[in-house]
Amino acid sequence: MAEVTAYIAIGANLGQAQRSVQQAMQALGQLPLTQLLKCSSLYRTAPMASDPSQPTSATGPDYINAVAAIATGLTAPDLLLHLQALELAAGRERPYPDAPRTLDLDILLYGSAQMDSAQLVIPHPRMAQRAFVLVPLAEIAPALVSAAQLAAVAHQSIEKLLPSTS
């Protein structure tokens, strides 16, 4: 199979969230048939319900978020399985929707593919509603995010973190 450029959203808000996101970035480049191409800056955002139209909001500490670009020879379903294994290795539990998490990895885009199965929907169905996805994605792949998309999420709080000096 030919290599495809995929974009992965990375987030965490439990434990050492910043470290977890940075380790996940490195782990992406170590997946089989996969090369890490580019990583966004880290961003801090408040927890958000998976369905923004719902009146209740998600709870828990702020998230650390980023987006990574990878070149991969894995199929999208195989990539999803590897991402879920990384989440599990980081202690990810799924006790209820929108629960705080040690690591969350989502496939945003997989080349130009469109998929809609019970396990995987590509492009990610809610990416255009989330500043924590669009802002870091625009940083590393500006052609993939329009000004109108960024304007639509401009009301969501997002803070770019300064690089650590360690």
C-alpha atoms as a PDB file:
ATOM      1  CA  MET A   1       0.000   0.000   0.000  1.00  0.00           C
ATOM      2  CA  ALA A   2       1.234   3.506  -0.770  1.00  0.00           C
ATOM      3  CA  GLU A   3       1.981   5.907   2.040  1.00  0.00           C
ATOM      4  CA  VAL A   4      -0.780   8.284   3.065  1.00  0.00           C
ATOM      5  CA  THR A   5      -0.474  11.496   5.047  1.00  0.00           C
ATOM      6  CA  ALA A   6      -2.718  11.335   8.090  1.00  0.00           C
ATOM      7  CA  TYR A   7      -3.385  13.921  10.795  1.00  0.00           C
ATOM      8  CA  ILE A   8      -3.802  12.789  14.387  1.00  0.00           C
ATOM      9  CA  ALA A   9      -5.335  14.849  17.202  1.00  0.00           C
ATOM     10  CA  ILE A  10      -3.608  14.261  20.534  1.00  0.00           C
ATOM     11  CA  GLY A  11      -5.030  15.254  23.905  1.00  0.00           C
ATOM     12  CA  ALA A  12      -4.711  14.482  27.598  1.00  0.00           C
ATOM     13  CA  ASN A  13      -5.991  15.992  30.840  1.00  0.00           C
ATOM     14  CA  LEU A  14      -5.089  13.465  33.529  1.00  0.00           C
ATOM     15  CA  GLY A  15      -1.732  12.745  35.105  1.00  0.00           C
ATOM     16  CA  GLN A  16       1.226  14.460  33.456  1.00  0.00           C
ATOM     17  CA  ALA A  17      -0.821  15.575  30.457  1.00  0.00           C
ATOM     18  CA  GLN A  18       1.888  17.622  28.749  1.00  0.00           C
ATOM     19  CA  ARG A  19       4.372  14.769  29.025  1.00  0.00           C
ATOM     20  CA  SER A  20       1.763  12.270  27.789  1.00  0.00           C
ATOM     21  CA  VAL A  21       1.096  14.355  24.671  1.00  0.00           C
ATOM     22  CA  GLN A  22       4.812  14.747  23.952  1.00  0.00           C
ATOM     23  CA  GLN A  23       5.403  11.002  24.422  1.00  0.00           C
ATOM     24  CA  ALA A  24       2.464  10.211  22.139  1.00  0.00           C
ATOM     25  CA  MET A  25       3.981  12.413  19.428  1.00  0.00           C
ATOM     26  CA  GLN A  26       7.185  10.392  19.594  1.00  0.00           C
ATOM     27  CA  ALA A  27       5.285   7.089  19.709  1.00  0.00           C
ATOM     28  CA  LEU A  28       3.437   7.955  16.491  1.00  0.00           C
ATOM     29  CA  GLY A  29       6.741   7.974  14.627  1.00  0.00           C
ATOM     30  CA  GLN A  30       7.549   4.519  15.989  1.00  0.00           C
ATOM     31  CA  LEU A  31       4.409   2.834  14.666  1.00  0.00           C
ATOM     32  CA  PRO A  32       4.986   0.225  11.938  1.00  0.00           C
ATOM     33  CA  LEU A  33       5.248   1.636   8.390  1.00  0.00           C
ATOM     34  CA  THR A  34       4.907   5.143   9.829  1.00  0.00           C
ATOM     35  CA  GLN A  35       7.025   8.280   9.930  1.00  0.00           C
ATOM     36  CA  LEU A  36       6.346  11.384  12.010  1.00  0.00           C
ATOM     37  CA  LEU A  37       6.309  14.383   9.648  1.00  0.00           C
ATOM     38  CA  LYS A  38       5.359  17.362  11.786  1.00  0.00           C
ATOM     39  CA  CYS A  39       3.948  18.269  15.201  1.00  0.00           C
ATOM     40  CA  SER A  40       2.071  21.368  16.234  1.00  0.00           C
ATOM     41  CA  SER A  41       2.752  23.402  19.326  1.00  0.00           C
ATOM     42  CA  LEU A  42       1.001  22.352  22.514  1.00  0.00           C
ATOM     43  CA  TYR A  43      -2.232  24.105  23.436  1.00  0.00           C
ATOM     44  CA  ARG A  44      -4.230  24.295  26.671  1.00  0.00           C
ATOM     45  CA  THR A  45      -8.023  24.098  26.392  1.00  0.00           C
ATOM     46  CA  ALA A  46     -10.969  23.581  28.716  1.00  0.00           C
ATOM     47  CA  PRO A  47     -12.776  20.218  28.556  1.00  0.00           C
ATOM     48  CA  MET A  48     -15.526  20.161  25.946  1.00  0.00           C
ATOM     49  CA  ALA A  49     -18.537  17.892  25.563  1.00  0.00           C
ATOM     50  CA  SER A  50     -18.357  15.668  22.485  1.00  0.00           C
ATOM     51  CA  ASP A  51     -21.683  17.152  21.422  1.00  0.00           C
ATOM     52  CA  PRO A  52     -21.332  20.944  21.756  1.00  0.00           C
ATOM     53  CA  SER A  53     -25.105  21.377  21.331  1.00  0.00           C
ATOM     54  CA  GLN A  54     -25.701  19.648  24.664  1.00  0.00           C
ATOM     55  CA  PRO A  55     -26.258  22.000  27.609  1.00  0.00           C
ATOM     56  CA  THR A  56     -23.945  20.094  29.939  1.00  0.00           C
ATOM     57  CA  SER A  57     -20.239  20.540  29.549  1.00  0.00           C
ATOM     58  CA  ALA A  58     -17.463  18.082  30.155  1.00  0.00           C
ATOM     59  CA  THR A  59     -15.615  18.238  33.451  1.00  0.00           C
ATOM     60  CA  GLY A  60     -12.078  17.725  34.616  1.00  0.00           C
ATOM     61  CA  PRO A  61      -8.757  19.535  34.352  1.00  0.00           C
ATOM     62  CA  ASP A  62      -7.774  21.504  31.261  1.00  0.00           C
ATOM     63  CA  TYR A  63      -6.524  19.521  28.286  1.00  0.00           C
ATOM     64  CA  ILE A  64      -3.167  19.679  26.609  1.00  0.00           C
ATOM     65  CA  ASN A  65      -3.764  19.293  22.866  1.00  0.00           C
ATOM     66  CA  ALA A  66      -1.705  19.032  19.689  1.00  0.00           C
ATOM     67  CA  VAL A  67      -1.943  17.687  16.144  1.00  0.00           C
ATOM     68  CA  ALA A  68       0.653  15.539  14.396  1.00  0.00           C
ATOM     69  CA  ALA A  69       1.105  14.754  10.722  1.00  0.00           C
ATOM     70  CA  ILE A  70       2.337  11.285   9.848  1.00  0.00           C
ATOM     71  CA  ALA A  71       3.122   9.397   6.665  1.00  0.00           C
ATOM     72  CA  THR A  72       1.865   5.856   7.043  1.00  0.00           C
ATOM     73  CA  GLY A  73       1.546   2.663   5.089  1.00  0.00           C
ATOM     74  CA  LEU A  74      -1.004   1.366   7.608  1.00  0.00           C
ATOM     75  CA  THR A  75      -4.632   1.192   6.556  1.00  0.00           C
ATOM     76  CA  ALA A  76      -6.931   3.557   8.464  1.00  0.00           C
ATOM     77  CA  PRO A  77      -8.469   0.695  10.516  1.00  0.00           C
ATOM     78  CA  ASP A  78      -4.997  -0.638  11.357  1.00  0.00           C
ATOM     79  CA  LEU A  79      -3.847   2.850  12.311  1.00  0.00           C
ATOM     80  CA  LEU A  80      -6.870   3.163  14.608  1.00  0.00           C
ATOM     81  CA  LEU A  81      -5.945  -0.120  16.322  1.00  0.00           C
ATOM     82  CA  HIS A  82      -2.387   1.124  16.916  1.00  0.00           C
ATOM     83  CA  LEU A  83      -3.680   4.435  18.302  1.00  0.00           C
ATOM     84  CA  GLN A  84      -6.023   2.597  20.664  1.00  0.00           C
ATOM     85  CA  ALA A  85      -3.096   0.444  21.832  1.00  0.00           C
ATOM     86  CA  LEU A  86      -1.106   3.623  22.609  1.00  0.00           C
ATOM     87  CA  GLU A  87      -4.084   4.993  24.562  1.00  0.00           C
ATOM     88  CA  LEU A  88      -4.390   1.749  26.510  1.00  0.00           C
ATOM     89  CA  ALA A  89      -0.654   1.730  27.275  1.00  0.00           C
ATOM     90  CA  ALA A  90      -1.058   5.263  28.651  1.00  0.00           C
ATOM     91  CA  GLY A  91      -3.793   4.063  31.030  1.00  0.00           C
ATOM     92  CA  ARG A  92      -6.791   5.240  29.014  1.00  0.00           C
ATOM     93  CA  GLU A  93     -10.128   4.218  30.451  1.00  0.00           C
ATOM     94  CA  ARG A  94     -13.558   4.897  28.982  1.00  0.00           C
ATOM     95  CA  PRO A  95     -15.908   4.923  31.996  1.00  0.00           C
ATOM     96  CA  TYR A  96     -18.433   7.348  30.402  1.00  0.00           C
ATOM     97  CA  PRO A  97     -18.652   9.754  27.445  1.00  0.00           C
ATOM     98  CA  ASP A  98     -16.394  12.809  27.745  1.00  0.00           C
ATOM     99  CA  ALA A  99     -14.600  11.372  30.778  1.00  0.00           C
ATOM    100  CA  PRO A 100     -11.202  12.886  31.588  1.00  0.00           C
ATOM    101  CA  ARG A 101      -8.423  10.891  29.944  1.00  0.00           C
ATOM    102  CA  THR A 102      -4.752  10.102  30.222  1.00  0.00           C
ATOM    103  CA  LEU A 103      -4.457  10.092  26.422  1.00  0.00           C
ATOM    104  CA  ASP A 104      -6.837  10.595  23.520  1.00  0.00           C
ATOM    105  CA  LEU A 105      -5.747   9.968  19.919  1.00  0.00           C
ATOM    106  CA  ASP A 106      -8.127  10.619  17.025  1.00  0.00           C
ATOM    107  CA  ILE A 107      -7.602  10.247  13.294  1.00  0.00           C
ATOM    108  CA  LEU A 108      -8.697  13.579  11.839  1.00  0.00           C
ATOM    109  CA  LEU A 109      -7.792  13.007   8.201  1.00  0.00           C
ATOM    110  CA  TYR A 110      -6.372  10.042   6.341  1.00  0.00           C
ATOM    111  CA  GLY A 111      -5.258  11.356   2.967  1.00  0.00           C
ATOM    112  CA  SER A 112      -8.400  12.203   1.018  1.00  0.00           C
ATOM    113  CA  ALA A 113     -10.227   9.107   2.288  1.00  0.00           C
ATOM    114  CA  GLN A 114     -13.797   9.216   3.465  1.00  0.00           C
ATOM    115  CA  MET A 115     -14.976   6.424   5.743  1.00  0.00           C
ATOM    116  CA  ASP A 116     -18.080   5.889   7.821  1.00  0.00           C
ATOM    117  CA  SER A 117     -18.171   2.687   9.848  1.00  0.00           C
ATOM    118  CA  ALA A 118     -19.185   1.852  13.392  1.00  0.00           C
ATOM    119  CA  GLN A 119     -15.506   1.964  14.412  1.00  0.00           C
ATOM    120  CA  LEU A 120     -14.165   4.874  12.371  1.00  0.00           C
ATOM    121  CA  VAL A 121     -15.434   8.017  10.654  1.00  0.00           C
ATOM    122  CA  ILE A 122     -13.020  10.022   8.469  1.00  0.00           C
ATOM    123  CA  PRO A 123     -12.812  12.969   8.240  1.00  0.00           C
ATOM    124  CA  HIS A 124     -13.382  13.201  11.990  1.00  0.00           C
ATOM    125  CA  PRO A 125     -17.057  14.206  12.305  1.00  0.00           C
ATOM    126  CA  ARG A 126     -16.583  16.969  14.915  1.00  0.00           C
ATOM    127  CA  MET A 127     -13.195  18.401  13.957  1.00  0.00           C
ATOM    128  CA  ALA A 128     -14.692  21.559  12.421  1.00  0.00           C
ATOM    129  CA  GLN A 129     -16.425  22.338  15.752  1.00  0.00           C
ATOM    130  CA  ARG A 130     -13.267  22.299  17.855  1.00  0.00           C
ATOM    131  CA  ALA A 131     -10.651  25.021  18.211  1.00  0.00           C
ATOM    132  CA  PHE A 132      -8.368  22.494  19.924  1.00  0.00           C
ATOM    133  CA  VAL A 133      -8.254  20.611  16.602  1.00  0.00           C
ATOM    134  CA  LEU A 134      -8.441  23.392  14.023  1.00  0.00           C
ATOM    135  CA  VAL A 135      -5.876  25.769  15.546  1.00  0.00           C
ATOM    136  CA  PRO A 136      -3.039  23.207  15.821  1.00  0.00           C
ATOM    137  CA  LEU A 137      -4.007  21.679  12.456  1.00  0.00           C
ATOM    138  CA  ALA A 138      -3.838  25.126  10.841  1.00  0.00           C
ATOM    139  CA  GLU A 139      -0.385  25.593  12.388  1.00  0.00           C
ATOM    140  CA  ILE A 140       1.088  22.546  10.633  1.00  0.00           C
ATOM    141  CA  ALA A 141      -1.176  22.335   7.556  1.00  0.00           C
ATOM    142  CA  PRO A 142      -2.653  25.790   6.873  1.00  0.00           C
ATOM    143  CA  ALA A 143      -4.130  24.744   3.519  1.00  0.00           C
ATOM    144  CA  LEU A 144      -6.435  22.287   5.316  1.00  0.00           C
ATOM    145  CA  VAL A 145      -8.191  24.865   7.517  1.00  0.00           C
ATOM    146  CA  SER A 146     -10.096  27.844   6.162  1.00  0.00           C
ATOM    147  CA  ALA A 147     -10.401  31.266   7.759  1.00  0.00           C
ATOM    148  CA  ALA A 148     -14.150  30.656   8.016  1.00  0.00           C
ATOM    149  CA  GLN A 149     -13.559  27.436   9.971  1.00  0.00           C
ATOM    150  CA  LEU A 150     -11.233  29.242  12.383  1.00  0.00           C
ATOM    151  CA  ALA A 151     -13.727  32.101  12.757  1.00  0.00           C
ATOM    152  CA  ALA A 152     -16.473  29.604  13.626  1.00  0.00           C
ATOM    153  CA  VAL A 153     -14.502  28.376  16.670  1.00  0.00           C
ATOM    154  CA  ALA A 154     -12.919  31.701  17.638  1.00  0.00           C
ATOM    155  CA  HIS A 155     -15.150  31.934  20.735  1.00  0.00           C
ATOM    156  CA  GLN A 156     -13.556  28.784  22.215  1.00  0.00           C
ATOM    157  CA  SER A 157     -10.719  29.418  24.631  1.00  0.00           C
ATOM    158  CA  ILE A 158      -7.351  28.055  23.486  1.00  0.00           C
ATOM    159  CA  GLU A 159      -3.904  28.988  24.776  1.00  0.00           C
ATOM    160  CA  LYS A 160      -0.671  28.200  22.961  1.00  0.00           C
ATOM    161  CA  LEU A 161       1.925  26.961  25.440  1.00  0.00           C
ATOM    162  CA  LEU A 162       5.458  28.229  25.293  1.00  0.00           C
ATOM    163  CA  PRO A 163       8.046  25.559  24.517  1.00  0.00           C
ATOM    164  CA  SER A 164       9.607  24.119  27.607  1.00  0.00           C
ATOM    165  CA  THR A 165      13.244  24.973  28.272  1.00  0.00           C
ATOM    166  CA  SER A 166      14.027  21.557  29.710  1.00  0.00           C
END
